[in-house]
């Protein structure tokens, strides 16, 4: 069963920005791009910077430390099409005025 947790309210995250939230021990960046909310792992796989602090444009976020860009739709590293580097993505839903994200609990991840 998918469990969603409320992280913010609609309007709390401005268009073209992100915010970071802890869910089940995972730091998750939640972004608003082109009127849609996205959630990916907040830590850049390169050096660990918070992606929620990065510039958002065209459904992508740019790492604030070294300018690596990641797709908000599937987490892929956009600067090297041959790379398998990817950031985990999480399902987002809007329930009333609440932005909710589903992040598996650690036990669910280990058994998958």
Foldseek 3Di string as FASTA:
>chain_A
DWDKDFDDFAVPADEFAWDWDADLNFIWIWHHYPNDIWIWGQADPPPGAGQRPFTGYPQWTAGPPPRFIAHRVWQDGPPDPPDPDGIGTWDWDQDPGTIITTDDHPVVVVVD
